[in-house]
Protein backbone atom coordinates (compact mmCIF):
# COMPACT_ATOMS: atom_id res chain seq x y z
CA MET A 1 -2.77 -12.43 3.19
CA ALA A 2 -3.88 -9.59 5.34
CA GLY A 3 -4.63 -11.77 8.34
CA ARG A 4 -2.84 -10.72 11.51
CA ILE A 5 -2.62 -7.12 10.29
CA LEU A 6 -3.75 -5.61 13.56
CA ARG A 7 -3.04 -8.47 15.92
CA ARG A 8 0.73 -8.54 15.52
CA ALA A 9 1.79 -5.44 17.37
CA GLY A 10 1.89 -5.83 21.11
CA ASP A 11 1.51 -2.11 21.70
CA LEU A 12 -1.78 -1.77 19.83
CA PRO A 13 -4.99 -0.93 21.64
CA SER A 14 -6.72 -4.19 22.59
CA ARG A 15 -10.09 -2.91 21.43
CA SER A 16 -10.81 -3.45 17.76
CA LEU A 17 -12.39 -0.94 15.42
CA TRP A 18 -15.55 -3.01 15.58
CA ASN A 19 -15.68 -2.70 19.38
CA ARG A 20 -15.33 1.05 19.06
CA ILE A 21 -18.13 1.14 16.51
CA LYS A 22 -20.35 -0.90 18.82
CA ASP A 23 -19.63 1.40 21.75
CA VAL A 24 -20.37 4.60 19.88
CA ALA A 25 -22.79 3.75 17.11
CA LEU A 26 -24.59 0.67 18.35
CA THR A 27 -25.44 1.33 21.96
CA ASP A 28 -28.90 0.25 20.90
CA VAL A 29 -28.60 -1.85 17.74
CA THR A 30 -32.36 -1.90 17.24
CA VAL A 31 -32.11 1.79 16.35
CA VAL A 32 -30.52 0.74 13.07
CA ALA A 33 -33.69 -1.07 12.11
CA ARG A 34 -35.91 1.97 12.70
CA ALA A 35 -35.56 4.28 9.70
CA GLY A 36 -36.84 7.28 11.61
CA ASP A 37 -34.01 7.12 14.14
CA ILE A 38 -31.10 5.94 12.00
CA ARG A 39 -29.46 9.32 11.31
CA GLY A 40 -27.98 9.73 14.78
CA THR A 41 -26.48 6.26 14.67
CA LEU A 42 -24.95 6.88 11.27
CA GLU A 43 -23.48 10.22 12.32
CA GLN A 44 -21.71 8.48 15.17
CA LEU A 45 -20.47 5.80 12.75
CA GLU A 46 -19.04 8.58 10.58
CA GLU A 47 -17.05 9.90 13.54
CA VAL A 48 -15.54 6.51 14.29
CA LEU A 49 -14.55 5.86 10.67
CA LEU A 50 -13.03 9.31 10.24
CA ALA A 51 -10.99 8.79 13.41
CA ALA A 52 -9.72 5.53 11.88
CA ASP A 53 -8.38 7.44 8.83
CA PHE A 54 -10.94 6.29 6.28
CA GLY A 55 -11.12 9.87 5.00
CA VAL A 56 -14.21 11.89 4.17
CA PRO A 57 -15.09 10.56 0.68
CA THR A 58 -14.69 6.91 1.66
CA THR A 59 -16.51 7.38 4.96
CA MET A 60 -19.46 9.02 3.23
CA LYS A 61 -19.72 6.15 0.75
CA LEU A 62 -19.55 3.50 3.46
CA VAL A 63 -22.15 5.22 5.60
CA ALA A 64 -24.47 5.71 2.60
CA ASP A 65 -24.21 2.00 1.83
CA ILE A 66 -25.08 1.06 5.42
CA GLU A 67 -27.96 3.53 5.48
CA ALA A 68 -29.43 2.08 2.28
CA GLN A 69 -29.32 -1.44 3.70
CA ALA A 70 -30.78 -0.35 7.02
CA ARG A 71 -33.67 1.40 5.33
CA ARG A 72 -34.35 -1.78 3.33
CA GLY A 73 -34.63 -3.61 6.64
CA THR A 74 -31.66 -5.92 6.08
CA ILE A 75 -29.72 -4.75 9.16
CA LYS A 76 -31.36 -5.59 12.45
CA THR A 77 -28.59 -7.11 14.56
CA GLU A 78 -24.99 -6.33 15.46
CA GLU A 79 -23.79 -9.27 13.36
CA GLN A 80 -25.71 -8.03 10.33
CA PHE A 81 -24.28 -4.54 10.85
CA LEU A 82 -20.73 -5.94 11.07
CA ARG A 83 -21.11 -8.03 7.92
CA ALA A 84 -22.71 -5.14 6.02
CA LEU A 85 -19.83 -2.82 6.91
CA GLU A 86 -17.27 -5.51 6.09
CA SER A 87 -18.92 -6.04 2.69
CA ALA A 88 -18.97 -2.29 2.02
CA ILE A 89 -15.24 -2.00 2.77
CA ASP A 90 -14.48 -4.98 0.53
CA SER A 91 -16.55 -3.46 -2.29
CA SER A 92 -14.81 -0.09 -1.96
CA LEU A 93 -11.40 -1.73 -2.30
CA ARG A 94 -12.56 -3.62 -5.40
CA ALA A 95 -14.00 -0.54 -7.08
CA GLY A 96 -12.27 1.03 -10.06
CA ASN A 97 -8.63 0.15 -10.70
CA SER A 98 -8.13 -2.55 -8.09
CA ASP A 99 -6.31 -5.57 -9.55
CA PRO A 100 -3.61 -6.46 -6.98
CA ARG A 101 -1.56 -8.61 -9.34
CA ILE A 102 1.88 -7.41 -10.41
CA ILE A 103 1.88 -6.12 -13.99
CA ARG A 104 4.18 -8.35 -16.04
CA ALA A 105 6.11 -7.42 -19.17
CA HIS A 106 5.22 -9.30 -22.35
CA SER A 107 8.79 -10.57 -22.32
CA PRO A 108 11.25 -10.40 -19.41
CA PRO A 109 12.49 -8.56 -17.60
CA THR A 110 9.60 -6.96 -15.80
CA VAL A 111 10.91 -3.69 -14.34
CA ILE A 112 9.51 -2.45 -11.03
CA LEU A 113 10.36 1.07 -9.88
CA VAL A 114 9.86 1.72 -6.16
CA VAL A 115 9.28 5.28 -4.91
CA GLY A 116 8.21 7.03 -1.71
CA ILE A 117 9.27 9.47 0.97
CA ASN A 118 12.06 9.08 3.51
CA GLY A 119 11.39 6.43 6.11
CA ALA A 120 8.42 4.81 4.39
CA GLY A 121 10.23 1.48 4.18
CA LYS A 122 11.11 1.24 0.47
CA THR A 123 14.40 -0.64 0.82
CA THR A 124 12.95 -3.13 3.27
CA PHE A 125 9.94 -3.64 1.01
CA ILE A 126 12.23 -4.34 -1.96
CA GLY A 127 14.08 -6.95 0.08
CA LYS A 128 10.82 -8.63 1.02
CA LEU A 129 9.48 -8.46 -2.54
CA SER A 130 12.70 -9.93 -3.88
CA ASP A 131 12.40 -12.77 -1.38
CA LEU A 132 8.75 -13.35 -2.34
CA LEU A 133 9.54 -13.44 -6.07
CA ARG A 134 12.49 -15.77 -5.55
CA ARG A 135 10.29 -18.13 -3.54
CA ASN A 136 7.97 -18.13 -6.55
CA LYS A 137 10.82 -19.33 -8.77
CA MET A 138 11.58 -16.01 -10.45
CA SER A 139 15.08 -14.68 -11.01
CA VAL A 140 15.54 -11.18 -9.63
CA LEU A 141 18.01 -8.33 -9.90
CA VAL A 142 17.83 -5.32 -7.60
CA GLY A 143 19.31 -1.94 -8.43
CA ALA A 144 20.35 0.55 -5.73
CA ALA A 145 19.49 3.92 -7.29
CA ASP A 146 19.35 5.48 -3.82
CA THR A 147 22.90 6.83 -4.03
CA PHE A 148 22.47 9.58 -1.44
CA ARG A 149 23.02 7.24 1.51
CA ALA A 150 25.81 4.67 1.58
CA GLY A 151 23.76 2.86 4.18
CA ALA A 152 20.90 2.39 1.72
CA ILE A 153 23.23 0.77 -0.82
CA ASP A 154 24.65 -1.57 1.81
CA GLN A 155 21.20 -2.40 3.16
CA LEU A 156 19.85 -3.33 -0.27
CA ALA A 157 22.97 -5.38 -1.06
CA ALA A 158 22.41 -7.33 2.16
CA TRP A 159 18.76 -7.96 1.29
CA ALA A 160 19.76 -9.10 -2.21
CA LYS A 161 22.30 -11.55 -0.81
CA ARG A 162 19.76 -12.89 1.68
CA SER A 163 17.12 -13.49 -1.00
CA GLY A 164 19.50 -14.79 -3.66
CA ALA A 165 18.97 -11.85 -6.03
CA ASP A 166 21.62 -10.23 -8.21
CA PHE A 167 22.67 -6.74 -7.21
CA VAL A 168 23.71 -3.62 -9.12
CA GLY A 169 24.75 -0.46 -7.28
CA GLY A 170 26.92 2.60 -7.68
CA ASN A 171 29.10 4.55 -5.34
CA PRO A 172 27.50 7.13 -3.05
CA GLY A 173 26.88 10.30 -5.04
CA THR A 174 26.58 8.50 -8.39
CA ASP A 175 23.83 9.76 -10.69
CA PRO A 176 20.77 7.71 -9.64
CA ALA A 177 19.42 7.58 -13.20
CA SER A 178 22.66 6.01 -14.45
CA VAL A 179 22.43 3.30 -11.78
CA ALA A 180 18.82 2.61 -12.78
CA PHE A 181 19.92 2.36 -16.42
CA ASP A 182 22.74 -0.04 -15.51
CA ALA A 183 20.38 -2.19 -13.44
CA VAL A 184 17.91 -2.59 -16.30
CA ASP A 185 20.76 -3.21 -18.74
CA ALA A 186 22.18 -5.92 -16.46
CA GLY A 187 18.74 -7.48 -16.03
CA ILE A 188 18.39 -7.75 -19.80
CA SER A 189 21.89 -9.14 -20.42
CA ARG A 190 21.63 -11.66 -17.59
CA GLY A 191 18.17 -12.87 -18.60
CA LYS A 192 16.45 -11.96 -15.32
CA ASP A 193 12.70 -12.26 -14.87
CA VAL A 194 12.36 -9.15 -12.71
CA VAL A 195 14.43 -6.01 -12.10
CA ILE A 196 13.52 -3.96 -9.02
CA VAL A 197 14.93 -0.42 -8.81
CA ASP A 198 15.18 1.34 -5.46
CA THR A 199 15.11 5.15 -5.29
CA ALA A 200 16.06 7.65 -2.64
CA GLY A 201 13.37 8.77 -0.27
CA ARG A 202 12.14 12.20 -1.22
CA LEU A 203 9.73 14.66 0.29
CA HIS A 204 6.82 15.14 -2.05
CA THR A 205 7.27 18.90 -1.57
CA SER A 206 10.81 18.92 -3.05
CA ASP A 207 10.61 19.92 -6.71
CA SER A 208 14.24 19.07 -7.46
CA LEU A 209 13.98 15.55 -6.05
CA MET A 210 10.67 14.95 -7.81
CA ASP A 211 12.32 16.05 -11.08
CA GLU A 212 15.12 13.58 -10.44
CA MET A 213 12.53 10.83 -9.98
CA LYS A 214 10.99 11.76 -13.33
CA LYS A 215 14.46 11.49 -14.90
CA ILE A 216 14.96 8.00 -13.46
CA ASN A 217 11.59 7.00 -14.92
CA ARG A 218 12.54 8.38 -18.37
CA VAL A 219 15.97 6.75 -18.42
CA ILE A 220 14.53 3.34 -17.58
CA GLY A 221 12.10 3.74 -20.48
CA LYS A 222 14.94 4.63 -22.86
CA ARG A 223 16.83 1.44 -22.04
CA LEU A 224 13.71 -0.73 -22.22
CA PRO A 225 10.69 0.72 -24.01
CA GLY A 226 7.53 0.25 -21.97
CA ALA A 227 9.43 0.09 -18.68
CA PRO A 228 8.96 0.54 -15.82
CA HIS A 229 6.05 -1.86 -16.02
CA GLU A 230 5.16 -1.22 -12.38
CA THR A 231 5.76 1.91 -10.34
CA LEU A 232 4.97 1.09 -6.74
CA LEU A 233 4.46 3.91 -4.24
CA VAL A 234 5.38 2.90 -0.69
CA LEU A 235 3.40 4.68 2.01
CA ASP A 236 3.84 4.62 5.78
CA GLY A 237 0.54 3.41 7.24
CA THR A 238 1.11 5.31 10.49
CA ILE A 239 0.98 8.84 9.05
CA GLY A 240 -2.76 9.02 8.45
CA GLN A 241 -4.25 11.45 5.96
CA ASN A 242 -0.81 12.87 5.10
CA ALA A 243 -0.40 9.71 3.04
CA VAL A 244 -3.18 10.88 0.72
CA ALA A 245 -1.42 14.19 -0.01
CA GLN A 246 1.87 12.37 -0.60
CA ALA A 247 0.22 9.87 -2.93
CA ARG A 248 -1.44 12.56 -5.02
CA THR A 249 1.84 14.45 -5.53
CA PHE A 250 3.78 11.36 -6.56
CA ALA A 251 1.00 10.30 -8.93
CA GLU A 252 1.06 13.73 -10.57
CA ALA A 253 4.81 13.36 -11.22
CA ILE A 254 4.97 9.81 -12.61
CA PRO A 255 2.42 7.10 -13.45
CA VAL A 256 1.94 5.24 -10.16
CA THR A 257 0.52 1.78 -10.87
CA GLY A 258 0.26 0.31 -7.39
CA LEU A 259 0.37 1.07 -3.68
CA VAL A 260 2.31 -0.58 -0.88
CA VAL A 261 1.23 0.29 2.66
CA THR A 262 3.84 -0.49 5.30
CA LYS A 263 3.80 -0.56 9.11
CA ILE A 264 0.15 -1.60 9.21
CA ASP A 265 1.04 -3.66 12.27
CA GLY A 266 1.90 -0.41 14.02
CA THR A 267 -1.44 1.34 13.69
CA ALA A 268 -5.08 0.64 14.40
CA LYS A 269 -6.02 3.18 11.73
CA GLY A 270 -6.16 0.85 8.75
CA GLY A 271 -8.74 3.02 7.02
CA ILE A 272 -5.89 4.90 5.29
CA VAL A 273 -5.63 1.96 2.87
CA LEU A 274 -9.13 2.71 1.58
CA ALA A 275 -8.59 6.46 1.60
CA VAL A 276 -5.51 6.30 -0.64
CA HIS A 277 -7.08 3.79 -3.03
CA GLU A 278 -10.13 6.04 -3.31
CA ALA A 279 -8.02 9.17 -3.89
CA LEU A 280 -5.80 7.74 -6.64
CA ASP A 281 -7.92 4.95 -8.15
CA VAL A 282 -4.79 2.79 -7.93
CA PRO A 283 -4.78 -0.77 -6.57
CA VAL A 284 -3.26 -1.69 -3.24
CA LYS A 285 -0.81 -4.46 -4.08
CA PHE A 286 1.02 -5.27 -0.86
CA ILE A 287 0.71 -4.82 2.88
CA GLY A 288 3.80 -4.80 5.09
CA ILE A 289 3.10 -6.36 8.48
CA GLY A 290 6.49 -6.88 10.14
CA GLU A 291 10.28 -6.93 9.79
CA LYS A 292 11.02 -10.49 8.61
CA ALA A 293 11.54 -11.27 4.92
CA SER A 294 8.31 -13.28 4.93
CA ASP A 295 6.30 -10.39 6.42
CA LEU A 296 4.94 -9.22 3.09
CA GLU A 297 1.51 -10.23 1.92
CA ALA A 298 -0.25 -9.77 -1.38
CA PHE A 299 -3.36 -7.71 -0.84
CA ASP A 300 -6.75 -9.41 -0.46
CA PRO A 301 -9.62 -6.91 0.00
CA GLN A 302 -11.98 -9.42 1.61
CA VAL A 303 -9.49 -10.53 4.25
CA PHE A 304 -8.40 -6.94 4.88
CA ALA A 305 -12.01 -5.83 5.35
CA ARG A 306 -12.51 -8.45 8.04
CA GLU A 307 -9.18 -7.79 9.76
CA VAL A 308 -9.46 -4.00 9.79
CA LEU A 309 -12.76 -4.29 11.64
CA GLU A 310 -12.20 -7.21 13.97
CA GLY A 311 -8.49 -6.74 14.59
């Protein structure tokens, strides 16, 4: 799953997060074992984690966990420190609402609404998700409710053709909610397992575009009560703590059920994944690690915890 997250990009720093932690916080690892001296080490650990976009609340929890173990005498070596931090990250990602499985409708189709800001990678994610579902023997229909850009419609149509999914789209300028309605309607009439609806990228600060997103959500529910069954928020992993503000605003507008973090291969600051999960109490469901159709991986907290540290 999340293996290769940090190792794929050739332009990444060669030094892993763990190496940076060792340099700053573990210049003398035996300090960790001496309760009287541990505070300085932990303060330096805080600095490294904050720089890696873990965010203040998550960083404080991780550091408190490490401090408790150190004071119990269970951390005395670098390896023990690494494994303790890895376990703390894994536990944080499993806390609260954390089930990474796609929510399925009681009877098909399952409707997945995909939202996010401009440039986050929504259309590419939908293509990859369609390919993943098709490889798992599910029939898929994708709806192009991003009608602001002709290029977005064409791009999604190309992804649908590549993955073997059906496609429903309108002309540029068509009411996005009507396209979403038509896509769900077609998914029902054609007996599809999954309908995925793309939406236009929108700044979380634009009230009119956020209202339009709410309308799309309502219209889908009118055509199929209970839908959308999943609303996935796609976030760009390279933008750091701005992703937290974006996520909160989207979640206030519509019920976000899962997170997708893209471009993780382009940043060594994987802590943003924890920060957003902590802020919204919403599970991370997918990680985007590249451009190929197969470069989409279901989220595994344990593997991610290891990869984000060791790179």
